[in-house]
Amino acid sequence: MKENSMKSHLLIIVSALLLSACDINESMRSNAADSSTSEARVIAAKSGCMGCHAVSNSVYGPAWKLVSKRYQGVPDAHAQLTAIIRSGSAGRWDQITGGKRMPPQQGSINDEDLKVVVDYIITLNAAKPLTTPIETTIKPDE
């Protein structure tokens, strides 16, 4: 009897440890994502991007969430956005910019920082894991 009780307690402890490890791993991933977001925003502000863009609202240029949505699922989205930022663009967002072009950003941001910012923009509309349960109501057949 004591052996079964001991096995049950051991099973509960091991299960709790495994679940805790999963929670820690999720927390670490969340902290890493928050860190990347903060880094991208700092770089963008330092490089002057935020003078024309914002994450959720279109200022002078399109909101980054709109950019992310437009390039969602595009295989070479990273390369396209990098080229657009480096070379400038016109005609892509006329409804927001009134036809004004985005000037080339050759010297305002280095390649490493540009990669961080473009990675951030692309992931803005990425599916995020569900963190709260969805409540559902099942109606009986009538």
N, C-alpha and C. Protein backbone atom coordinates (compact mmCIF):
# COMPACT_ATOMS: atom_id res chain seq x y z
N MET A 1 0.83 -1.19 0.00
CA MET A 1 0.00 0.00 0.00
C MET A 1 0.87 1.25 0.00
N LYS A 2 1.90 1.28 0.88
CA LYS A 2 2.79 2.44 0.94
C LYS A 2 3.54 2.61 -0.37
N GLU A 3 3.88 1.51 -1.02
CA GLU A 3 4.63 1.58 -2.27
C GLU A 3 3.78 2.25 -3.36
N ASN A 4 2.48 1.89 -3.44
CA ASN A 4 1.59 2.52 -4.41
C ASN A 4 1.42 4.00 -4.12
N SER A 5 1.30 4.34 -2.85
CA SER A 5 1.16 5.74 -2.46
C SER A 5 2.42 6.53 -2.81
N MET A 6 3.56 5.91 -2.59
CA MET A 6 4.83 6.56 -2.90
C MET A 6 4.97 6.76 -4.42
N LYS A 7 4.57 5.76 -5.19
CA LYS A 7 4.62 5.88 -6.65
C LYS A 7 3.68 6.99 -7.12
N SER A 8 2.52 7.07 -6.51
CA SER A 8 1.57 8.13 -6.88
C SER A 8 2.15 9.51 -6.59
N HIS A 9 2.76 9.67 -5.42
CA HIS A 9 3.38 10.96 -5.07
C HIS A 9 4.52 11.29 -6.02
N LEU A 10 5.32 10.28 -6.34
CA LEU A 10 6.44 10.49 -7.25
C LEU A 10 5.92 10.90 -8.64
N LEU A 11 4.87 10.25 -9.09
CA LEU A 11 4.27 10.58 -10.38
C LEU A 11 3.75 12.02 -10.39
N ILE A 12 3.13 12.44 -9.31
CA ILE A 12 2.62 13.81 -9.20
C ILE A 12 3.77 14.81 -9.23
N ILE A 13 4.83 14.52 -8.51
CA ILE A 13 5.99 15.42 -8.46
C ILE A 13 6.64 15.53 -9.83
N VAL A 14 6.85 14.40 -10.49
CA VAL A 14 7.48 14.41 -11.82
C VAL A 14 6.58 15.17 -12.80
N SER A 15 5.28 14.93 -12.74
CA SER A 15 4.35 15.64 -13.63
C SER A 15 4.41 17.14 -13.39
N ALA A 16 4.44 17.54 -12.13
CA ALA A 16 4.51 18.97 -11.79
C ALA A 16 5.80 19.59 -12.31
N LEU A 17 6.90 18.85 -12.18
CA LEU A 17 8.18 19.36 -12.68
C LEU A 17 8.15 19.52 -14.20
N LEU A 18 7.59 18.55 -14.89
CA LEU A 18 7.50 18.63 -16.34
C LEU A 18 6.63 19.80 -16.78
N LEU A 19 5.50 19.98 -16.12
CA LEU A 19 4.63 21.11 -16.46
C LEU A 19 5.31 22.44 -16.16
N SER A 20 6.05 22.50 -15.07
CA SER A 20 6.78 23.73 -14.74
C SER A 20 7.82 24.03 -15.80
N ALA A 21 8.50 23.00 -16.27
CA ALA A 21 9.51 23.20 -17.30
C ALA A 21 8.87 23.74 -18.58
N CYS A 22 7.69 23.26 -18.92
CA CYS A 22 6.98 23.78 -20.10
C CYS A 22 6.65 25.24 -19.92
N ASP A 23 6.19 25.61 -18.73
CA ASP A 23 5.83 26.99 -18.45
C ASP A 23 7.06 27.89 -18.50
N ILE A 24 8.18 27.41 -17.98
CA ILE A 24 9.42 28.19 -18.01
C ILE A 24 9.86 28.39 -19.45
N ASN A 25 9.78 27.35 -20.27
CA ASN A 25 10.16 27.45 -21.67
C ASN A 25 9.30 28.48 -22.39
N GLU A 26 7.98 28.46 -22.14
CA GLU A 26 7.07 29.43 -22.77
C GLU A 26 7.40 30.84 -22.29
N SER A 27 7.71 30.98 -21.03
CA SER A 27 8.07 32.29 -20.48
C SER A 27 9.35 32.81 -21.11
N MET A 28 10.32 31.92 -21.31
CA MET A 28 11.58 32.32 -21.93
C MET A 28 11.35 32.77 -23.37
N ARG A 29 10.49 32.04 -24.10
CA ARG A 29 10.18 32.43 -25.47
C ARG A 29 9.49 33.78 -25.51
N SER A 30 8.56 34.00 -24.58
CA SER A 30 7.85 35.27 -24.52
C SER A 30 8.80 36.41 -24.21
N ASN A 31 9.73 36.19 -23.26
CA ASN A 31 10.71 37.22 -22.92
C ASN A 31 11.63 37.52 -24.10
N ALA A 32 12.01 36.49 -24.84
CA ALA A 32 12.87 36.69 -26.02
C ALA A 32 12.13 37.51 -27.07
N ALA A 33 10.84 37.21 -27.27
CA ALA A 33 10.05 37.97 -28.24
C ALA A 33 9.91 39.42 -27.80
N ASP A 34 9.66 39.64 -26.50
CA ASP A 34 9.57 41.01 -25.98
C ASP A 34 10.88 41.75 -26.17
N SER A 35 11.98 41.06 -25.96
CA SER A 35 13.30 41.67 -26.12
C SER A 35 13.54 42.06 -27.58
N SER A 36 13.16 41.18 -28.52
CA SER A 36 13.32 41.48 -29.95
C SER A 36 12.46 42.67 -30.35
N THR A 37 11.24 42.72 -29.81
CA THR A 37 10.34 43.84 -30.10
C THR A 37 10.94 45.13 -29.60
N SER A 38 11.42 45.13 -28.37
CA SER A 38 12.03 46.34 -27.80
C SER A 38 13.24 46.77 -28.61
N GLU A 39 14.09 45.81 -28.98
CA GLU A 39 15.29 46.13 -29.75
C GLU A 39 14.91 46.74 -31.10
N ALA A 40 13.93 46.16 -31.78
CA ALA A 40 13.51 46.67 -33.09
C ALA A 40 12.96 48.08 -32.97
N ARG A 41 12.18 48.33 -31.94
CA ARG A 41 11.60 49.67 -31.76
C ARG A 41 12.66 50.71 -31.44
N VAL A 42 13.64 50.33 -30.64
CA VAL A 42 14.74 51.25 -30.31
C VAL A 42 15.53 51.58 -31.58
N ILE A 43 15.86 50.55 -32.35
CA ILE A 43 16.61 50.75 -33.60
C ILE A 43 15.81 51.63 -34.55
N ALA A 44 14.52 51.35 -34.68
CA ALA A 44 13.67 52.12 -35.60
C ALA A 44 13.61 53.59 -35.19
N ALA A 45 13.49 53.84 -33.90
CA ALA A 45 13.44 55.23 -33.42
C ALA A 45 14.78 55.92 -33.67
N LYS A 46 15.87 55.22 -33.36
CA LYS A 46 17.22 55.78 -33.53
C LYS A 46 17.51 56.06 -35.00
N SER A 47 16.97 55.24 -35.89
CA SER A 47 17.26 55.36 -37.32
C SER A 47 16.32 56.33 -38.04
N GLY A 48 15.34 56.85 -37.33
CA GLY A 48 14.42 57.81 -37.93
C GLY A 48 13.18 57.21 -38.56
N CYS A 49 13.00 55.90 -38.47
CA CYS A 49 11.85 55.24 -39.09
C CYS A 49 10.53 55.75 -38.50
N MET A 50 10.54 56.02 -37.20
CA MET A 50 9.31 56.37 -36.50
C MET A 50 8.86 57.80 -36.82
N GLY A 51 9.66 58.54 -37.56
CA GLY A 51 9.24 59.86 -38.00
C GLY A 51 8.11 59.77 -39.02
N CYS A 52 8.06 58.68 -39.76
CA CYS A 52 7.04 58.50 -40.81
C CYS A 52 6.14 57.30 -40.56
N HIS A 53 6.57 56.37 -39.73
CA HIS A 53 5.82 55.13 -39.51
C HIS A 53 5.50 54.94 -38.04
N ALA A 54 4.46 54.17 -37.77
CA ALA A 54 4.14 53.69 -36.43
C ALA A 54 3.73 52.23 -36.61
N VAL A 55 3.61 51.52 -35.50
CA VAL A 55 3.28 50.11 -35.58
C VAL A 55 1.83 49.91 -36.04
N SER A 56 0.90 50.57 -35.37
CA SER A 56 -0.52 50.32 -35.62
C SER A 56 -1.23 51.39 -36.43
N ASN A 57 -0.70 52.60 -36.47
CA ASN A 57 -1.36 53.71 -37.15
C ASN A 57 -0.49 54.23 -38.28
N SER A 58 -1.13 54.57 -39.38
CA SER A 58 -0.40 55.20 -40.48
C SER A 58 -0.16 56.65 -40.11
N VAL A 59 1.07 57.08 -40.19
CA VAL A 59 1.44 58.46 -39.88
C VAL A 59 1.62 59.16 -41.22
N TYR A 60 2.81 59.20 -41.72
CA TYR A 60 3.10 59.73 -43.05
C TYR A 60 3.22 58.56 -44.03
N GLY A 61 3.84 57.50 -43.54
CA GLY A 61 3.94 56.26 -44.29
C GLY A 61 2.98 55.24 -43.69
N PRO A 62 2.88 54.06 -44.28
CA PRO A 62 1.93 53.06 -43.80
C PRO A 62 2.32 52.50 -42.43
N ALA A 63 1.29 52.12 -41.67
CA ALA A 63 1.52 51.43 -40.40
C ALA A 63 2.24 50.12 -40.69
N TRP A 64 3.14 49.76 -39.81
CA TRP A 64 3.90 48.53 -40.04
C TRP A 64 3.02 47.29 -40.04
N LYS A 65 1.89 47.33 -39.32
CA LYS A 65 0.98 46.18 -39.36
C LYS A 65 0.38 46.02 -40.75
N LEU A 66 0.13 47.14 -41.44
CA LEU A 66 -0.37 47.05 -42.82
C LEU A 66 0.70 46.48 -43.74
N VAL A 67 1.93 46.91 -43.54
CA VAL A 67 3.05 46.40 -44.34
C VAL A 67 3.18 44.90 -44.11
N SER A 68 3.13 44.50 -42.85
CA SER A 68 3.25 43.09 -42.51
C SER A 68 2.13 42.28 -43.17
N LYS A 69 0.93 42.82 -43.13
CA LYS A 69 -0.21 42.12 -43.72
C LYS A 69 -0.03 41.97 -45.24
N ARG A 70 0.44 43.03 -45.89
CA ARG A 70 0.63 42.99 -47.34
C ARG A 70 1.66 41.93 -47.73
N TYR A 71 2.68 41.75 -46.92
CA TYR A 71 3.77 40.83 -47.27
C TYR A 71 3.62 39.46 -46.62
N GLN A 72 2.52 39.23 -45.92
CA GLN A 72 2.28 37.94 -45.28
C GLN A 72 2.19 36.86 -46.34
N GLY A 73 2.98 35.82 -46.20
CA GLY A 73 2.96 34.71 -47.13
C GLY A 73 3.79 34.92 -48.39
N VAL A 74 4.40 36.08 -48.54
CA VAL A 74 5.26 36.34 -49.70
C VAL A 74 6.61 35.68 -49.43
N PRO A 75 7.04 34.74 -50.27
CA PRO A 75 8.26 33.98 -49.99
C PRO A 75 9.51 34.83 -49.77
N ASP A 76 9.69 35.87 -50.54
CA ASP A 76 10.90 36.68 -50.39
C ASP A 76 10.59 38.05 -49.76
N ALA A 77 9.63 38.06 -48.84
CA ALA A 77 9.19 39.31 -48.21
C ALA A 77 10.35 40.06 -47.56
N HIS A 78 11.22 39.32 -46.88
CA HIS A 78 12.34 39.96 -46.18
C HIS A 78 13.24 40.69 -47.18
N ALA A 79 13.57 40.04 -48.27
CA ALA A 79 14.44 40.65 -49.29
C ALA A 79 13.75 41.84 -49.95
N GLN A 80 12.45 41.71 -50.22
CA GLN A 80 11.71 42.81 -50.85
C GLN A 80 11.67 44.04 -49.95
N LEU A 81 11.31 43.84 -48.68
CA LEU A 81 11.24 44.98 -47.76
C LEU A 81 12.61 45.61 -47.54
N THR A 82 13.63 44.79 -47.44
CA THR A 82 14.99 45.32 -47.27
C THR A 82 15.36 46.19 -48.47
N ALA A 83 15.07 45.71 -49.67
CA ALA A 83 15.38 46.47 -50.88
C ALA A 83 14.58 47.77 -50.95
N ILE A 84 13.31 47.72 -50.56
CA ILE A 84 12.46 48.92 -50.57
C ILE A 84 13.00 49.96 -49.59
N ILE A 85 13.39 49.51 -48.41
CA ILE A 85 13.91 50.45 -47.41
C ILE A 85 15.23 51.04 -47.90
N ARG A 86 16.10 50.22 -48.44
CA ARG A 86 17.40 50.69 -48.92
C ARG A 86 17.27 51.65 -50.11
N SER A 87 16.40 51.31 -51.06
CA SER A 87 16.30 52.06 -52.32
C SER A 87 15.21 53.12 -52.33
N GLY A 88 14.28 53.04 -51.38
CA GLY A 88 13.13 53.93 -51.41
C GLY A 88 12.03 53.33 -52.27
N SER A 89 10.87 53.95 -52.27
CA SER A 89 9.77 53.43 -53.07
C SER A 89 8.75 54.52 -53.34
N ALA A 90 7.94 54.27 -54.33
CA ALA A 90 6.82 55.16 -54.66
C ALA A 90 5.71 54.33 -55.27
N GLY A 91 4.48 54.73 -55.02
CA GLY A 91 3.34 54.07 -55.65
C GLY A 91 2.79 52.87 -54.92
N ARG A 92 3.45 52.40 -53.90
CA ARG A 92 2.97 51.21 -53.20
C ARG A 92 1.87 51.55 -52.19
N TRP A 93 1.91 52.76 -51.64
CA TRP A 93 0.99 53.15 -50.58
C TRP A 93 0.38 54.53 -50.87
N ASP A 94 0.06 54.81 -52.11
CA ASP A 94 -0.44 56.13 -52.49
C ASP A 94 -1.68 56.56 -51.70
N GLN A 95 -2.55 55.62 -51.36
CA GLN A 95 -3.76 55.96 -50.62
C GLN A 95 -3.43 56.50 -49.23
N ILE A 96 -2.24 56.20 -48.72
CA ILE A 96 -1.82 56.69 -47.40
C ILE A 96 -0.87 57.87 -47.54
N THR A 97 0.05 57.79 -48.48
CA THR A 97 1.09 58.81 -48.60
C THR A 97 0.72 59.96 -49.53
N GLY A 98 -0.39 59.82 -50.23
CA GLY A 98 -0.76 60.85 -51.19
C GLY A 98 0.18 60.91 -52.38
N GLY A 99 0.85 59.80 -52.65
CA GLY A 99 1.76 59.73 -53.79
C GLY A 99 3.20 60.12 -53.47
N LYS A 100 3.46 60.52 -52.25
CA LYS A 100 4.84 60.86 -51.87
C LYS A 100 5.66 59.57 -51.78
N ARG A 101 6.92 59.66 -52.16
CA ARG A 101 7.77 58.47 -52.14
C ARG A 101 8.51 58.35 -50.82
N MET A 102 8.84 57.12 -50.48
CA MET A 102 9.71 56.87 -49.33
C MET A 102 11.14 57.09 -49.80
N PRO A 103 11.88 57.95 -49.13
CA PRO A 103 13.26 58.20 -49.57
C PRO A 103 14.16 57.00 -49.26
N PRO A 104 15.22 56.82 -50.02
CA PRO A 104 16.17 55.73 -49.75
C PRO A 104 16.79 55.89 -48.36
N GLN A 105 17.01 54.78 -47.73
CA GLN A 105 17.60 54.78 -46.38
C GLN A 105 18.96 54.10 -46.42
N GLN A 106 19.85 54.60 -47.23
CA GLN A 106 21.17 54.00 -47.39
C GLN A 106 22.05 54.16 -46.16
N GLY A 107 22.15 55.34 -45.63
CA GLY A 107 23.11 55.58 -44.55
C GLY A 107 22.52 55.67 -43.16
N SER A 108 21.20 55.60 -43.05
CA SER A 108 20.59 55.81 -41.74
C SER A 108 20.49 54.56 -40.88
N ILE A 109 20.67 53.39 -41.47
CA ILE A 109 20.56 52.14 -40.71
C ILE A 109 21.50 51.10 -41.33
N ASN A 110 22.27 50.43 -40.46
CA ASN A 110 23.20 49.42 -40.98
C ASN A 110 22.46 48.11 -41.27
N ASP A 111 23.12 47.20 -41.96
CA ASP A 111 22.48 45.95 -42.40
C ASP A 111 21.97 45.11 -41.24
N GLU A 112 22.74 45.01 -40.17
CA GLU A 112 22.34 44.20 -39.02
C GLU A 112 21.08 44.77 -38.37
N ASP A 113 21.05 46.09 -38.17
CA ASP A 113 19.88 46.72 -37.56
C ASP A 113 18.67 46.64 -38.49
N LEU A 114 18.91 46.79 -39.78
CA LEU A 114 17.81 46.71 -40.74
C LEU A 114 17.17 45.32 -40.70
N LYS A 115 17.98 44.29 -40.57
CA LYS A 115 17.45 42.93 -40.48
C LYS A 115 16.54 42.79 -39.26
N VAL A 116 16.95 43.34 -38.12
CA VAL A 116 16.13 43.27 -36.90
C VAL A 116 14.79 43.96 -37.13
N VAL A 117 14.82 45.14 -37.72
CA VAL A 117 13.58 45.90 -37.95
C VAL A 117 12.68 45.18 -38.95
N VAL A 118 13.24 44.70 -40.05
CA VAL A 118 12.43 44.00 -41.05
C VAL A 118 11.85 42.71 -40.47
N ASP A 119 12.64 41.97 -39.70
CA ASP A 119 12.13 40.76 -39.04
C ASP A 119 10.92 41.11 -38.17
N TYR A 120 11.03 42.19 -37.43
CA TYR A 120 9.95 42.63 -36.55
C TYR A 120 8.70 42.99 -37.37
N ILE A 121 8.87 43.77 -38.42
CA ILE A 121 7.73 44.18 -39.24
C ILE A 121 7.02 42.95 -39.81
N ILE A 122 7.78 42.02 -40.34
CA ILE A 122 7.20 40.83 -40.97
C ILE A 122 6.41 40.00 -39.97
N THR A 123 6.86 39.94 -38.73
CA THR A 123 6.19 39.09 -37.74
C THR A 123 5.02 39.76 -37.04
N LEU A 124 4.72 41.01 -37.35
CA LEU A 124 3.64 41.70 -36.64
C LEU A 124 2.29 41.03 -36.81
N ASN A 125 2.03 40.44 -37.94
CA ASN A 125 0.74 39.77 -38.17
C ASN A 125 0.85 38.26 -38.09
N ALA A 126 1.99 37.77 -37.63
CA ALA A 126 2.15 36.32 -37.51
C ALA A 126 1.17 35.80 -36.47
N ALA A 127 0.70 34.60 -36.70
CA ALA A 127 -0.22 34.00 -35.74
C ALA A 127 0.46 33.84 -34.40
N LYS A 128 -0.22 34.30 -33.38
CA LYS A 128 0.32 34.19 -32.03
C LYS A 128 -0.40 33.04 -31.33
N PRO A 129 0.33 32.30 -30.49
CA PRO A 129 -0.32 31.20 -29.80
C PRO A 129 -1.41 31.70 -28.87
N LEU A 130 -2.47 30.95 -28.76
CA LEU A 130 -3.57 31.29 -27.89
C LEU A 130 -3.13 31.13 -26.45
N THR A 131 -3.33 32.17 -25.65
CA THR A 131 -2.89 32.10 -24.25
C THR A 131 -4.06 31.95 -23.30
N THR A 132 -5.26 32.24 -23.76
CA THR A 132 -6.42 32.06 -22.90
C THR A 132 -7.38 31.11 -23.61
N PRO A 133 -8.06 30.29 -22.83
CA PRO A 133 -8.96 29.33 -23.45
C PRO A 133 -10.15 30.03 -24.11
N ILE A 134 -10.65 29.42 -25.14
CA ILE A 134 -11.85 29.93 -25.80
C ILE A 134 -13.05 29.26 -25.15
N GLU A 135 -14.01 30.09 -24.77
CA GLU A 135 -15.22 29.53 -24.18
C GLU A 135 -16.17 29.15 -25.30
N THR A 136 -16.71 27.98 -25.21
CA THR A 136 -17.68 27.55 -26.21
C THR A 136 -18.91 27.02 -25.51
N THR A 137 -20.00 27.16 -26.17
CA THR A 137 -21.25 26.62 -25.64
C THR A 137 -21.78 25.63 -26.66
N ILE A 138 -21.99 24.44 -26.21
CA ILE A 138 -22.54 23.41 -27.09
C ILE A 138 -24.02 23.33 -26.81
N LYS A 139 -24.81 23.60 -27.84
CA LYS A 139 -26.26 23.55 -27.68
C LYS A 139 -26.74 22.15 -28.00
N PRO A 140 -27.60 21.63 -27.15
CA PRO A 140 -28.12 20.29 -27.44
C PRO A 140 -29.01 20.33 -28.68
N ASP A 141 -29.05 19.21 -29.38
CA ASP A 141 -29.91 19.12 -30.55
C ASP A 141 -31.36 19.29 -30.11
N GLU A 142 -32.09 20.04 -30.89
CA GLU A 142 -33.50 20.26 -30.53
C GLU A 142 -34.41 19.50 -31.42
